[in-house]
């Protein structure tokens, strides 16, 4: 975990919950949204520089490489997200099919895991 990112998460948890309201997208969109949230509170990340690596099929691991902000950044970060083929084995699918309260709680948990999983490479 990167302390700056987890501190932003802790200090602005309510704002993250607001950002997640109405979300209905993919893992890549969730990672971009989470990176944008972090960057708005001072993290040196560029939400336009999120690249997805996906070698899976109906289940697997998505790897995201995130570039730092600025011209030709040297710093890059990575985060991994496991996914499944149905709402029973895929956290995002399950979150998107829950009622409003469950959905908000589940999306917040997913964004939290993304933030906690970001590592500098």
C-alpha atoms as a PDB file:
ATOM      1  CA  UNK A   1       0.000   0.000   0.000  1.00  0.00           C
ATOM      2  CA  UNK A   2       1.085   3.506  -0.698  1.00  0.00           C
ATOM      3  CA  UNK A   3       0.565   5.600   2.409  1.00  0.00           C
ATOM      4  CA  UNK A   4      -0.338   8.805   0.555  1.00  0.00           C
ATOM      5  CA  UNK A   5      -3.106   7.011  -1.348  1.00  0.00           C
ATOM      6  CA  UNK A   6      -4.567   5.331   1.736  1.00  0.00           C
ATOM      7  CA  UNK A   7      -4.452   8.648   3.614  1.00  0.00           C
ATOM      8  CA  UNK A   8      -6.408  10.325   0.804  1.00  0.00           C
ATOM      9  CA  UNK A   9      -8.899   7.463   0.962  1.00  0.00           C
ATOM     10  CA  UNK A  10      -9.343   7.794   4.714  1.00  0.00           C
ATOM     11  CA  UNK A  11      -9.607  11.589   4.698  1.00  0.00           C
ATOM     12  CA  UNK A  12     -12.047  11.752   1.773  1.00  0.00           C
ATOM     13  CA  UNK A  13     -14.084   8.551   2.115  1.00  0.00           C
ATOM     14  CA  UNK A  14     -17.396  10.433   1.923  1.00  0.00           C
ATOM     15  CA  UNK A  15     -16.328  12.127  -1.298  1.00  0.00           C
ATOM     16  CA  UNK A  16     -15.361   8.756  -2.796  1.00  0.00           C
ATOM     17  CA  UNK A  17     -18.789   7.386  -1.916  1.00  0.00           C
ATOM     18  CA  UNK A  18     -20.363  10.359  -3.728  1.00  0.00           C
ATOM     19  CA  UNK A  19     -18.176   9.792  -6.799  1.00  0.00           C
ATOM     20  CA  UNK A  20     -19.272   6.153  -6.947  1.00  0.00           C
ATOM     21  CA  UNK A  21     -22.994   6.926  -6.895  1.00  0.00           C
ATOM     22  CA  UNK A  22     -24.543   5.994 -10.192  1.00  0.00           C
ATOM     23  CA  UNK A  23     -21.459   4.072 -11.375  1.00  0.00           C
ATOM     24  CA  UNK A  24     -22.391   1.368 -13.862  1.00  0.00           C
ATOM     25  CA  UNK A  25     -19.231   0.544 -15.759  1.00  0.00           C
ATOM     26  CA  UNK A  26     -16.336  -1.843 -16.236  1.00  0.00           C
ATOM     27  CA  UNK A  27     -13.327  -2.584 -14.068  1.00  0.00           C
ATOM     28  CA  UNK A  28     -11.206  -0.298 -16.247  1.00  0.00           C
ATOM     29  CA  UNK A  29     -13.702   2.519 -15.730  1.00  0.00           C
ATOM     30  CA  UNK A  30     -13.695   1.862 -11.983  1.00  0.00           C
ATOM     31  CA  UNK A  31      -9.893   1.977 -11.863  1.00  0.00           C
ATOM     32  CA  UNK A  32      -9.905   5.231 -13.896  1.00  0.00           C
ATOM     33  CA  UNK A  33     -12.528   6.739 -11.606  1.00  0.00           C
ATOM     34  CA  UNK A  34     -10.534   5.710  -8.528  1.00  0.00           C
ATOM     35  CA  UNK A  35      -7.297   7.098  -9.993  1.00  0.00           C
ATOM     36  CA  UNK A  36      -9.067  10.357 -10.893  1.00  0.00           C
ATOM     37  CA  UNK A  37     -10.387  10.583  -7.322  1.00  0.00           C
ATOM     38  CA  UNK A  38      -6.871  10.117  -5.902  1.00  0.00           C
ATOM     39  CA  UNK A  39      -5.372  12.630  -8.335  1.00  0.00           C
ATOM     40  CA  UNK A  40      -7.957  15.261  -7.383  1.00  0.00           C
ATOM     41  CA  UNK A  41      -6.643  15.091  -3.818  1.00  0.00           C
ATOM     42  CA  UNK A  42      -2.957  15.337  -4.662  1.00  0.00           C
ATOM     43  CA  UNK A  43      -1.807  11.915  -5.862  1.00  0.00           C
ATOM     44  CA  UNK A  44       0.610  12.176  -8.792  1.00  0.00           C
ATOM     45  CA  UNK A  45      -1.473   9.905 -11.039  1.00  0.00           C
ATOM     46  CA  UNK A  46      -2.921  10.489 -14.497  1.00  0.00           C
ATOM     47  CA  UNK A  47      -6.384   8.948 -14.985  1.00  0.00           C
ATOM     48  CA  UNK A  48      -5.906   9.167 -18.759  1.00  0.00           C
ATOM     49  CA  UNK A  49      -2.874   6.880 -18.483  1.00  0.00           C
ATOM     50  CA  UNK A  50      -4.596   3.714 -17.306  1.00  0.00           C
ATOM     51  CA  UNK A  51      -3.706   0.731 -19.474  1.00  0.00           C
ATOM     52  CA  UNK A  52      -5.432  -2.621 -19.073  1.00  0.00           C
ATOM     53  CA  UNK A  53      -3.681  -5.961 -19.577  1.00  0.00           C
ATOM     54  CA  UNK A  54      -6.154  -8.826 -19.894  1.00  0.00           C
ATOM     55  CA  UNK A  55      -5.036 -12.347 -20.779  1.00  0.00           C
ATOM     56  CA  UNK A  56      -8.201 -13.944 -19.468  1.00  0.00           C
ATOM     57  CA  UNK A  57     -11.426 -15.095 -20.980  1.00  0.00           C
ATOM     58  CA  UNK A  58     -14.488 -15.521 -18.827  1.00  0.00           C
ATOM     59  CA  UNK A  59     -12.418 -15.229 -15.632  1.00  0.00           C
ATOM     60  CA  UNK A  60      -8.939 -14.156 -14.688  1.00  0.00           C
ATOM     61  CA  UNK A  61      -6.853 -11.247 -13.515  1.00  0.00           C
ATOM     62  CA  UNK A  62      -6.819  -7.778 -14.988  1.00  0.00           C
ATOM     63  CA  UNK A  63      -3.598  -5.824 -14.571  1.00  0.00           C
ATOM     64  CA  UNK A  64      -3.673  -2.054 -14.785  1.00  0.00           C
ATOM     65  CA  UNK A  65      -0.625   0.099 -15.360  1.00  0.00           C
ATOM     66  CA  UNK A  66      -1.087   3.731 -14.333  1.00  0.00           C
ATOM     67  CA  UNK A  67       1.280   6.471 -15.376  1.00  0.00           C
ATOM     68  CA  UNK A  68       2.140   9.403 -13.173  1.00  0.00           C
ATOM     69  CA  UNK A  69       1.002  12.862 -14.173  1.00  0.00           C
ATOM     70  CA  UNK A  70       3.191  15.092 -16.314  1.00  0.00           C
ATOM     71  CA  UNK A  71       5.119  14.887 -19.537  1.00  0.00           C
ATOM     72  CA  UNK A  72       6.648  11.445 -20.191  1.00  0.00           C
ATOM     73  CA  UNK A  73       6.529  10.250 -16.577  1.00  0.00           C
ATOM     74  CA  UNK A  74       9.173   7.907 -15.250  1.00  0.00           C
ATOM     75  CA  UNK A  75       6.971   6.757 -12.364  1.00  0.00           C
ATOM     76  CA  UNK A  76       4.345   4.098 -13.010  1.00  0.00           C
ATOM     77  CA  UNK A  77       2.048   2.116 -10.785  1.00  0.00           C
ATOM     78  CA  UNK A  78       0.214  -1.167 -11.097  1.00  0.00           C
ATOM     79  CA  UNK A  79      -2.871  -2.743  -9.577  1.00  0.00           C
ATOM     80  CA  UNK A  80      -4.385  -6.189 -10.130  1.00  0.00           C
ATOM     81  CA  UNK A  81      -8.086  -7.040 -10.102  1.00  0.00           C
ATOM     82  CA  UNK A  82      -9.460 -10.581 -10.220  1.00  0.00           C
ATOM     83  CA  UNK A  83     -12.737 -11.105 -12.048  1.00  0.00           C
ATOM     84  CA  UNK A  84     -15.184 -13.922 -12.603  1.00  0.00           C
ATOM     85  CA  UNK A  85     -17.782 -14.985 -15.110  1.00  0.00           C
ATOM     86  CA  UNK A  86     -20.968 -14.340 -13.129  1.00  0.00           C
ATOM     87  CA  UNK A  87     -22.333 -12.216 -10.314  1.00  0.00           C
ATOM     88  CA  UNK A  88     -21.648 -15.090  -7.916  1.00  0.00           C
ATOM     89  CA  UNK A  89     -17.903 -14.990  -8.530  1.00  0.00           C
ATOM     90  CA  UNK A  90     -17.296 -11.442  -9.744  1.00  0.00           C
ATOM     91  CA  UNK A  91     -17.378  -8.589  -7.234  1.00  0.00           C
ATOM     92  CA  UNK A  92     -18.201  -5.846  -9.715  1.00  0.00           C
ATOM     93  CA  UNK A  93     -21.057  -7.758 -11.330  1.00  0.00           C
ATOM     94  CA  UNK A  94     -22.448  -8.575  -7.901  1.00  0.00           C
ATOM     95  CA  UNK A  95     -22.197  -4.918  -6.853  1.00  0.00           C
ATOM     96  CA  UNK A  96     -23.962  -3.655  -9.959  1.00  0.00           C
ATOM     97  CA  UNK A  97     -26.921  -5.990  -9.411  1.00  0.00           C
ATOM     98  CA  UNK A  98     -27.457  -5.174  -5.741  1.00  0.00           C
ATOM     99  CA  UNK A  99     -29.966  -2.724  -4.334  1.00  0.00           C
ATOM    100  CA  UNK A 100     -28.848   0.892  -3.930  1.00  0.00           C
ATOM    101  CA  UNK A 101     -27.367   0.514  -0.425  1.00  0.00           C
ATOM    102  CA  UNK A 102     -25.616  -2.767  -1.219  1.00  0.00           C
ATOM    103  CA  UNK A 103     -24.347  -1.315  -4.473  1.00  0.00           C
ATOM    104  CA  UNK A 104     -22.837   1.748  -2.783  1.00  0.00           C
ATOM    105  CA  UNK A 105     -21.198  -0.352  -0.085  1.00  0.00           C
ATOM    106  CA  UNK A 106     -19.836  -2.925  -2.548  1.00  0.00           C
ATOM    107  CA  UNK A 107     -18.464  -0.322  -4.981  1.00  0.00           C
ATOM    108  CA  UNK A 108     -16.800   1.513  -2.096  1.00  0.00           C
ATOM    109  CA  UNK A 109     -15.196  -1.767  -0.986  1.00  0.00           C
ATOM    110  CA  UNK A 110     -13.945  -2.433  -4.541  1.00  0.00           C
ATOM    111  CA  UNK A 111     -12.486   1.072  -4.842  1.00  0.00           C
ATOM    112  CA  UNK A 112     -10.866   0.620  -1.417  1.00  0.00           C
ATOM    113  CA  UNK A 113      -9.218  -2.632  -2.559  1.00  0.00           C
ATOM    114  CA  UNK A 114      -7.993  -0.916  -5.716  1.00  0.00           C
ATOM    115  CA  UNK A 115      -6.434   1.895  -3.669  1.00  0.00           C
ATOM    116  CA  UNK A 116      -4.861  -0.559  -1.238  1.00  0.00           C
ATOM    117  CA  UNK A 117      -3.537  -2.677  -4.113  1.00  0.00           C
ATOM    118  CA  UNK A 118      -1.729   0.070  -6.024  1.00  0.00           C
ATOM    119  CA  UNK A 119       2.030  -0.479  -6.069  1.00  0.00           C
ATOM    120  CA  UNK A 120       4.813   1.542  -7.600  1.00  0.00           C
ATOM    121  CA  UNK A 121       6.803  -0.283 -10.280  1.00  0.00           C
END
